[in-house]
């Protein structure tokens, strides 16, 4: 008879923390807005603006909408105080579709509230779509520029 018994994998299974309470769980369940990061919330704003315009302009179904933290240095017009872009249209190239990029940090810095941020994201997307379609922003979205 073999007298060696394999040691348990965890000698002290922890069911409670050191204060006698149960193990802590997440602060909020994933479906609660607290669990959504600022980046995810911003992505949702861009997606909502794109979906709204795609219903009006079906040809936008082939356009990619993306979010980038900040513009690349070559996208910034100048370092002597000129404006940092909020978005950019990248034309189709070698099998890649047209792409509209919205820069998250510059938009967040300019917007003071969540509602203002949503409005600014929508305006940036409308302006880039207008450039792509060769139309004025007011023709792309009649509510463009309204508060």
N, C-alpha and C. Protein backbone atom coordinates (compact mmCIF):
# COMPACT_ATOMS: atom_id res chain seq x y z
N UNK A 1 0.83 -1.16 0.00
CA UNK A 1 0.00 0.00 0.00
C UNK A 1 0.89 1.24 0.00
N UNK A 2 0.53 2.19 -0.83
CA UNK A 2 1.32 3.41 -0.97
C UNK A 2 0.91 4.41 0.11
N UNK A 3 1.89 4.86 0.91
CA UNK A 3 1.58 5.76 2.02
C UNK A 3 1.69 7.22 1.63
N UNK A 4 2.10 7.52 0.41
CA UNK A 4 2.21 8.92 0.00
C UNK A 4 0.89 9.40 -0.56
N UNK A 5 0.41 10.44 -0.01
CA UNK A 5 -0.84 11.05 -0.47
C UNK A 5 -0.47 12.35 -1.17
N UNK A 6 -0.98 12.57 -2.37
CA UNK A 6 -0.63 13.81 -3.06
C UNK A 6 -1.16 15.02 -2.30
N UNK A 7 -0.36 16.09 -2.22
CA UNK A 7 -0.82 17.28 -1.50
C UNK A 7 -1.98 17.93 -2.26
N UNK A 8 -2.87 18.54 -1.53
CA UNK A 8 -3.96 19.23 -2.22
C UNK A 8 -3.40 20.38 -3.05
N UNK A 9 -4.11 20.72 -4.14
CA UNK A 9 -3.62 21.77 -5.02
C UNK A 9 -3.60 23.13 -4.34
N UNK A 10 -4.55 23.40 -3.48
CA UNK A 10 -4.57 24.65 -2.71
C UNK A 10 -4.74 24.26 -1.26
N UNK A 11 -3.74 24.44 -0.44
CA UNK A 11 -3.84 23.98 0.94
C UNK A 11 -4.92 24.70 1.74
N UNK A 12 -5.18 25.97 1.45
CA UNK A 12 -6.21 26.72 2.16
C UNK A 12 -7.17 27.35 1.16
N UNK A 13 -8.22 26.67 0.81
CA UNK A 13 -9.16 27.32 -0.12
C UNK A 13 -9.78 28.54 0.56
N UNK A 14 -9.77 29.68 -0.14
CA UNK A 14 -10.30 30.92 0.43
C UNK A 14 -11.74 31.12 0.03
N UNK A 15 -12.56 31.12 1.02
CA UNK A 15 -13.98 31.41 0.78
C UNK A 15 -14.33 32.80 1.30
N UNK A 16 -13.48 33.33 2.15
CA UNK A 16 -13.72 34.65 2.71
C UNK A 16 -12.40 35.41 2.73
N UNK A 17 -12.52 36.74 2.74
CA UNK A 17 -11.29 37.53 2.84
C UNK A 17 -10.85 37.58 4.31
N UNK A 18 -9.81 38.30 4.59
CA UNK A 18 -9.25 38.27 5.94
C UNK A 18 -10.12 38.95 6.99
N UNK A 19 -11.13 39.71 6.56
CA UNK A 19 -12.03 40.37 7.50
C UNK A 19 -13.30 39.56 7.75
N UNK A 20 -13.37 38.37 7.16
CA UNK A 20 -14.52 37.51 7.40
C UNK A 20 -15.68 37.73 6.45
N UNK A 21 -15.49 38.64 5.49
CA UNK A 21 -16.56 38.88 4.50
C UNK A 21 -16.31 37.99 3.30
N UNK A 22 -17.29 37.90 2.45
CA UNK A 22 -17.14 37.12 1.23
C UNK A 22 -16.17 37.77 0.26
N UNK A 23 -15.77 37.02 -0.72
CA UNK A 23 -14.87 37.54 -1.74
C UNK A 23 -15.56 38.67 -2.50
N UNK A 24 -14.80 39.67 -2.86
CA UNK A 24 -15.37 40.81 -3.57
C UNK A 24 -15.63 40.46 -5.02
N UNK A 25 -16.70 41.00 -5.52
CA UNK A 25 -17.03 40.82 -6.93
C UNK A 25 -16.83 42.12 -7.68
N UNK A 26 -17.28 42.17 -8.90
CA UNK A 26 -17.14 43.42 -9.67
C UNK A 26 -17.99 44.53 -9.04
N UNK A 27 -17.55 45.76 -9.25
CA UNK A 27 -18.27 46.91 -8.70
C UNK A 27 -19.64 47.03 -9.35
N UNK A 28 -19.69 46.83 -10.65
CA UNK A 28 -20.95 46.92 -11.39
C UNK A 28 -20.98 45.83 -12.44
N UNK A 29 -22.15 45.28 -12.71
CA UNK A 29 -22.22 44.27 -13.77
C UNK A 29 -21.91 44.89 -15.13
N UNK A 30 -21.47 44.08 -16.09
CA UNK A 30 -21.03 44.63 -17.38
C UNK A 30 -22.09 45.42 -18.15
N UNK A 31 -23.36 45.14 -17.95
CA UNK A 31 -24.39 45.84 -18.71
C UNK A 31 -24.72 47.22 -18.15
N UNK A 32 -24.16 47.55 -17.00
CA UNK A 32 -24.39 48.85 -16.38
C UNK A 32 -23.41 49.86 -16.99
N UNK A 33 -23.85 51.07 -17.29
CA UNK A 33 -22.97 52.05 -17.93
C UNK A 33 -21.66 52.33 -17.18
N UNK A 34 -21.60 52.13 -15.88
CA UNK A 34 -20.36 52.36 -15.15
C UNK A 34 -19.22 51.49 -15.67
N UNK A 35 -19.56 50.34 -16.22
CA UNK A 35 -18.55 49.41 -16.69
C UNK A 35 -18.06 49.74 -18.10
N UNK A 36 -18.62 50.77 -18.72
CA UNK A 36 -18.23 51.15 -20.07
C UNK A 36 -17.12 52.19 -19.98
N UNK A 37 -16.03 51.93 -20.65
CA UNK A 37 -14.92 52.88 -20.61
C UNK A 37 -15.25 54.10 -21.47
N UNK A 38 -14.49 55.17 -21.28
CA UNK A 38 -14.69 56.37 -22.09
C UNK A 38 -14.44 56.08 -23.56
N UNK A 39 -13.45 55.24 -23.85
CA UNK A 39 -13.15 54.90 -25.24
C UNK A 39 -14.31 54.12 -25.87
N UNK A 40 -14.89 53.19 -25.11
CA UNK A 40 -16.03 52.42 -25.63
C UNK A 40 -17.25 53.32 -25.85
N UNK A 41 -17.48 54.24 -24.92
CA UNK A 41 -18.60 55.17 -25.07
C UNK A 41 -18.39 56.06 -26.30
N UNK A 42 -17.15 56.48 -26.55
CA UNK A 42 -16.85 57.31 -27.72
C UNK A 42 -17.07 56.50 -28.99
N UNK A 43 -16.63 55.24 -29.00
CA UNK A 43 -16.86 54.36 -30.16
C UNK A 43 -18.35 54.26 -30.46
N UNK A 44 -19.17 54.16 -29.41
CA UNK A 44 -20.62 54.09 -29.59
C UNK A 44 -21.17 55.36 -30.23
N UNK A 45 -20.63 56.52 -29.84
CA UNK A 45 -21.08 57.78 -30.43
C UNK A 45 -20.77 57.82 -31.93
N UNK A 46 -19.59 57.38 -32.31
CA UNK A 46 -19.21 57.36 -33.73
C UNK A 46 -20.09 56.37 -34.48
N UNK A 47 -20.32 55.21 -33.89
CA UNK A 47 -21.16 54.19 -34.53
C UNK A 47 -22.59 54.70 -34.72
N UNK A 48 -23.13 55.39 -33.70
CA UNK A 48 -24.48 55.94 -33.81
C UNK A 48 -24.57 56.99 -34.92
N UNK A 49 -23.57 57.87 -34.99
CA UNK A 49 -23.57 58.90 -36.03
C UNK A 49 -23.47 58.26 -37.41
N UNK A 50 -22.63 57.24 -37.55
CA UNK A 50 -22.48 56.56 -38.84
C UNK A 50 -23.77 55.83 -39.22
N UNK A 51 -24.38 55.15 -38.28
CA UNK A 51 -25.63 54.43 -38.56
C UNK A 51 -26.73 55.38 -38.99
N UNK A 52 -26.79 56.53 -38.33
CA UNK A 52 -27.82 57.52 -38.67
C UNK A 52 -27.65 58.02 -40.11
N UNK A 53 -26.39 58.24 -40.52
CA UNK A 53 -26.14 58.72 -41.88
C UNK A 53 -26.29 57.60 -42.91
N UNK A 54 -25.97 56.37 -42.54
CA UNK A 54 -26.11 55.25 -43.49
C UNK A 54 -27.57 55.01 -43.86
N UNK A 55 -28.47 55.29 -42.94
CA UNK A 55 -29.90 55.15 -43.28
C UNK A 55 -30.31 56.14 -44.35
N UNK A 56 -29.72 57.31 -44.32
CA UNK A 56 -30.04 58.35 -45.31
C UNK A 56 -29.23 58.19 -46.59
N UNK A 57 -27.99 57.72 -46.47
CA UNK A 57 -27.08 57.57 -47.60
C UNK A 57 -26.61 56.11 -47.67
N UNK A 58 -27.32 55.25 -48.39
CA UNK A 58 -26.96 53.82 -48.44
C UNK A 58 -25.56 53.55 -48.99
N UNK A 59 -25.02 54.45 -49.79
CA UNK A 59 -23.68 54.23 -50.35
C UNK A 59 -22.59 54.27 -49.27
N UNK A 60 -22.94 54.67 -48.06
CA UNK A 60 -21.96 54.70 -46.97
C UNK A 60 -21.75 53.31 -46.35
N UNK A 61 -22.50 52.33 -46.81
CA UNK A 61 -22.36 50.98 -46.25
C UNK A 61 -20.96 50.42 -46.50
N UNK A 62 -20.28 50.87 -47.55
CA UNK A 62 -18.95 50.38 -47.86
C UNK A 62 -17.84 51.21 -47.21
N UNK A 63 -18.19 52.24 -46.47
CA UNK A 63 -17.21 53.11 -45.84
C UNK A 63 -16.91 52.58 -44.43
N UNK A 64 -15.62 52.54 -44.09
CA UNK A 64 -15.21 52.14 -42.74
C UNK A 64 -15.17 53.39 -41.86
N UNK A 65 -15.71 53.26 -40.66
CA UNK A 65 -15.64 54.33 -39.67
C UNK A 65 -14.74 53.85 -38.55
N UNK A 66 -13.77 54.67 -38.18
CA UNK A 66 -12.79 54.27 -37.17
C UNK A 66 -12.55 55.39 -36.18
N UNK A 67 -12.00 55.01 -35.03
CA UNK A 67 -11.62 55.97 -34.00
C UNK A 67 -10.14 55.79 -33.74
N UNK A 68 -9.46 56.90 -33.66
CA UNK A 68 -8.03 56.90 -33.33
C UNK A 68 -7.84 57.87 -32.17
N UNK A 69 -6.96 57.57 -31.25
CA UNK A 69 -6.75 58.41 -30.07
C UNK A 69 -6.40 59.85 -30.45
N UNK A 70 -5.33 60.02 -31.20
CA UNK A 70 -4.86 61.34 -31.63
C UNK A 70 -4.40 61.24 -33.08
N UNK A 71 -4.36 62.37 -33.78
CA UNK A 71 -3.87 62.32 -35.17
C UNK A 71 -2.37 62.06 -35.20
N UNK A 72 -1.93 61.44 -36.27
CA UNK A 72 -0.50 61.26 -36.49
C UNK A 72 0.13 62.63 -36.70
N UNK A 73 1.41 62.78 -36.40
CA UNK A 73 2.04 64.10 -36.56
C UNK A 73 1.91 64.67 -37.97
N UNK A 74 1.94 63.84 -39.00
CA UNK A 74 1.81 64.36 -40.37
C UNK A 74 0.38 64.83 -40.68
N UNK A 75 -0.61 64.44 -39.84
CA UNK A 75 -1.99 64.89 -40.04
C UNK A 75 -2.24 66.27 -39.46
N UNK A 76 -1.38 66.70 -38.53
CA UNK A 76 -1.54 68.00 -37.89
C UNK A 76 -0.93 69.04 -38.82
N UNK A 77 -1.68 70.12 -39.06
CA UNK A 77 -1.26 71.13 -40.04
C UNK A 77 0.02 71.83 -39.64
N UNK A 78 0.19 72.15 -38.41
CA UNK A 78 1.39 72.84 -37.98
C UNK A 78 1.47 72.89 -36.47
N UNK A 79 2.64 73.07 -35.95
CA UNK A 79 2.80 73.10 -34.51
C UNK A 79 2.79 74.52 -33.96
N UNK A 80 2.53 75.52 -34.79
CA UNK A 80 2.57 76.91 -34.33
C UNK A 80 1.18 77.42 -33.93
N UNK A 81 0.39 76.57 -33.29
CA UNK A 81 -0.90 76.99 -32.78
C UNK A 81 -2.07 76.75 -33.72
N UNK A 82 -1.83 76.16 -34.88
CA UNK A 82 -2.94 75.88 -35.78
C UNK A 82 -3.78 74.74 -35.23
N UNK A 83 -5.00 74.64 -35.72
CA UNK A 83 -5.96 73.68 -35.19
C UNK A 83 -5.54 72.24 -35.42
N UNK A 84 -5.81 71.42 -34.42
CA UNK A 84 -5.62 69.98 -34.53
C UNK A 84 -6.90 69.42 -35.14
N UNK A 85 -6.80 68.54 -36.14
CA UNK A 85 -8.02 68.03 -36.77
C UNK A 85 -8.82 67.13 -35.83
N UNK A 86 -10.13 67.14 -36.03
CA UNK A 86 -11.01 66.28 -35.25
C UNK A 86 -11.33 64.98 -35.98
N UNK A 87 -11.14 65.00 -37.30
CA UNK A 87 -11.42 63.81 -38.10
C UNK A 87 -10.69 63.89 -39.42
N UNK A 88 -10.72 62.79 -40.15
CA UNK A 88 -10.01 62.73 -41.42
C UNK A 88 -10.67 61.72 -42.34
N UNK A 89 -10.68 62.03 -43.62
CA UNK A 89 -11.14 61.11 -44.65
C UNK A 89 -9.91 60.52 -45.32
N UNK A 90 -9.85 59.21 -45.36
CA UNK A 90 -8.77 58.51 -46.04
C UNK A 90 -9.40 57.81 -47.24
N UNK A 91 -8.98 58.19 -48.43
CA UNK A 91 -9.56 57.64 -49.65
C UNK A 91 -9.27 56.16 -49.85
N UNK A 92 -10.08 55.53 -50.67
CA UNK A 92 -9.90 54.11 -50.97
C UNK A 92 -8.55 53.90 -51.66
N UNK A 93 -7.92 52.76 -51.34
CA UNK A 93 -6.60 52.50 -51.91
C UNK A 93 -6.34 50.99 -51.91
N UNK A 94 -5.99 50.46 -53.07
CA UNK A 94 -5.56 49.06 -53.22
C UNK A 94 -6.47 48.07 -52.50
N UNK A 95 -7.72 48.09 -52.82
CA UNK A 95 -8.66 47.15 -52.22
C UNK A 95 -9.20 47.55 -50.86
N UNK A 96 -8.70 48.65 -50.30
CA UNK A 96 -9.23 49.15 -49.03
C UNK A 96 -10.31 50.17 -49.31
N UNK A 97 -11.42 50.10 -48.61
CA UNK A 97 -12.50 51.07 -48.85
C UNK A 97 -12.16 52.44 -48.28
N UNK A 98 -12.99 53.42 -48.60
CA UNK A 98 -12.86 54.73 -47.98
C UNK A 98 -12.98 54.57 -46.48
N UNK A 99 -12.27 55.44 -45.76
CA UNK A 99 -12.27 55.32 -44.30
C UNK A 99 -12.39 56.71 -43.70
N UNK A 100 -13.27 56.83 -42.72
CA UNK A 100 -13.44 58.07 -41.98
C UNK A 100 -12.95 57.81 -40.56
N UNK A 101 -11.98 58.62 -40.14
CA UNK A 101 -11.38 58.47 -38.81
C UNK A 101 -11.77 59.68 -37.97
N UNK A 102 -12.22 59.42 -36.75
CA UNK A 102 -12.52 60.48 -35.79
C UNK A 102 -11.48 60.37 -34.68
N UNK A 103 -10.87 61.49 -34.33
CA UNK A 103 -9.83 61.52 -33.31
C UNK A 103 -10.46 61.79 -31.95
N UNK A 104 -10.35 60.81 -31.06
CA UNK A 104 -11.05 60.85 -29.77
C UNK A 104 -10.57 61.96 -28.84
N UNK A 105 -9.30 62.05 -28.57
CA UNK A 105 -8.80 63.01 -27.58
C UNK A 105 -9.08 64.46 -27.98
N UNK A 106 -8.83 64.89 -29.22
CA UNK A 106 -9.16 66.27 -29.56
C UNK A 106 -10.65 66.58 -29.41
N UNK A 107 -11.51 65.62 -29.72
CA UNK A 107 -12.96 65.85 -29.56
C UNK A 107 -13.29 65.95 -28.08
N UNK A 108 -12.75 65.05 -27.26
CA UNK A 108 -13.03 65.09 -25.83
C UNK A 108 -12.57 66.39 -25.19
N UNK A 109 -11.44 66.91 -25.64
CA UNK A 109 -10.91 68.14 -25.06
C UNK A 109 -11.82 69.33 -25.40
N UNK A 110 -12.38 69.34 -26.59
CA UNK A 110 -13.22 70.48 -27.01
C UNK A 110 -14.63 70.43 -26.44
N UNK A 111 -15.11 69.25 -26.09
CA UNK A 111 -16.48 69.11 -25.60
C UNK A 111 -16.50 69.20 -24.08
N UNK A 112 -17.44 69.96 -23.54
CA UNK A 112 -17.52 70.14 -22.10
C UNK A 112 -18.44 69.13 -21.42
N UNK A 113 -19.38 68.57 -22.15
CA UNK A 113 -20.32 67.61 -21.56
C UNK A 113 -20.51 66.44 -22.52
N UNK A 114 -21.18 65.42 -22.03
CA UNK A 114 -21.45 64.23 -22.84
C UNK A 114 -22.34 64.59 -24.04
N UNK A 115 -23.34 65.42 -23.83
CA UNK A 115 -24.23 65.83 -24.92
C UNK A 115 -23.47 66.64 -25.97
N UNK A 116 -22.61 67.54 -25.51
CA UNK A 116 -21.82 68.34 -26.43
C UNK A 116 -20.85 67.45 -27.22
N UNK A 117 -20.33 66.42 -26.56
CA UNK A 117 -19.43 65.49 -27.23
C UNK A 117 -20.18 64.72 -28.32
N UNK A 118 -21.39 64.26 -28.02
CA UNK A 118 -22.18 63.54 -29.02
C UNK A 118 -22.48 64.43 -30.22
N UNK A 119 -22.80 65.69 -29.98
CA UNK A 119 -23.07 66.63 -31.06
C UNK A 119 -21.83 66.88 -31.90
N UNK A 120 -20.69 67.05 -31.24
CA UNK A 120 -19.44 67.30 -31.95
C UNK A 120 -19.01 66.09 -32.78
N UNK A 121 -19.17 64.90 -32.23
CA UNK A 121 -18.84 63.67 -33.00
C UNK A 121 -19.72 63.59 -34.24
N UNK A 122 -21.00 63.86 -34.08
CA UNK A 122 -21.91 63.81 -35.23
C UNK A 122 -21.50 64.84 -36.28
N UNK A 123 -21.15 66.04 -35.86
CA UNK A 123 -20.74 67.07 -36.82
C UNK A 123 -19.46 66.68 -37.56
N UNK A 124 -18.52 66.09 -36.85
CA UNK A 124 -17.27 65.65 -37.49
C UNK A 124 -17.56 64.57 -38.53
N UNK A 125 -18.40 63.62 -38.17
CA UNK A 125 -18.74 62.54 -39.12
C UNK A 125 -19.48 63.12 -40.32
N UNK A 126 -20.41 64.04 -40.11
CA UNK A 126 -21.14 64.67 -41.21
C UNK A 126 -20.18 65.42 -42.13
N UNK A 127 -19.24 66.16 -41.56
CA UNK A 127 -18.29 66.91 -42.38
C UNK A 127 -17.43 65.98 -43.24
N UNK A 128 -17.00 64.87 -42.67
CA UNK A 128 -16.17 63.94 -43.43
C UNK A 128 -16.97 63.22 -44.51
N UNK A 129 -18.21 62.88 -44.22
CA UNK A 129 -19.09 62.26 -45.22
C UNK A 129 -19.37 63.25 -46.34
N UNK A 130 -19.58 64.52 -45.98
CA UNK A 130 -19.82 65.55 -47.00
C UNK A 130 -18.62 65.68 -47.92
N UNK A 131 -17.42 65.62 -47.37
CA UNK A 131 -16.22 65.68 -48.19
C UNK A 131 -16.14 64.46 -49.12
N UNK A 132 -16.48 63.31 -48.60
CA UNK A 132 -16.45 62.08 -49.39
C UNK A 132 -17.46 62.13 -50.54
N UNK A 133 -18.66 62.61 -50.25
CA UNK A 133 -19.72 62.64 -51.27
C UNK A 133 -19.66 63.88 -52.16
N UNK A 134 -18.83 64.85 -51.81
CA UNK A 134 -18.74 66.07 -52.60
C UNK A 134 -19.96 66.96 -52.43
N UNK A 135 -20.55 66.95 -51.24
CA UNK A 135 -21.73 67.74 -50.94
C UNK A 135 -21.42 68.68 -49.77
N UNK A 136 -22.33 69.60 -49.51
CA UNK A 136 -22.18 70.44 -48.33
C UNK A 136 -22.70 69.65 -47.12
N UNK A 137 -22.19 69.95 -45.93
CA UNK A 137 -22.68 69.24 -44.74
C UNK A 137 -24.18 69.39 -44.52
N UNK A 138 -24.75 70.54 -44.90
CA UNK A 138 -26.19 70.75 -44.75
C UNK A 138 -26.99 69.82 -45.65
N UNK A 139 -26.44 69.46 -46.82
CA UNK A 139 -27.13 68.51 -47.70
C UNK A 139 -27.01 67.08 -47.19
N UNK A 140 -25.92 66.77 -46.52
CA UNK A 140 -25.74 65.42 -45.96
C UNK A 140 -26.69 65.22 -44.79
N UNK A 141 -26.78 66.20 -43.92
CA UNK A 141 -27.69 66.13 -42.77
C UNK A 141 -28.32 67.51 -42.58
N UNK A 142 -29.62 67.62 -42.83
CA UNK A 142 -30.29 68.92 -42.69
C UNK A 142 -30.20 69.52 -41.29
N UNK A 143 -29.93 68.72 -40.27
CA UNK A 143 -29.83 69.23 -38.90
C UNK A 143 -28.41 69.63 -38.55
N UNK A 144 -27.49 69.60 -39.51
CA UNK A 144 -26.10 69.96 -39.25
C UNK A 144 -26.01 71.41 -38.80
N UNK A 145 -25.26 71.66 -37.74
CA UNK A 145 -25.05 73.01 -37.24
C UNK A 145 -26.11 73.50 -36.29
N UNK A 146 -27.18 72.74 -36.11
CA UNK A 146 -28.21 73.15 -35.16
C UNK A 146 -27.82 72.68 -33.77
N UNK A 147 -28.16 73.45 -32.77
CA UNK A 147 -27.82 73.07 -31.39
C UNK A 147 -28.81 72.14 -30.83
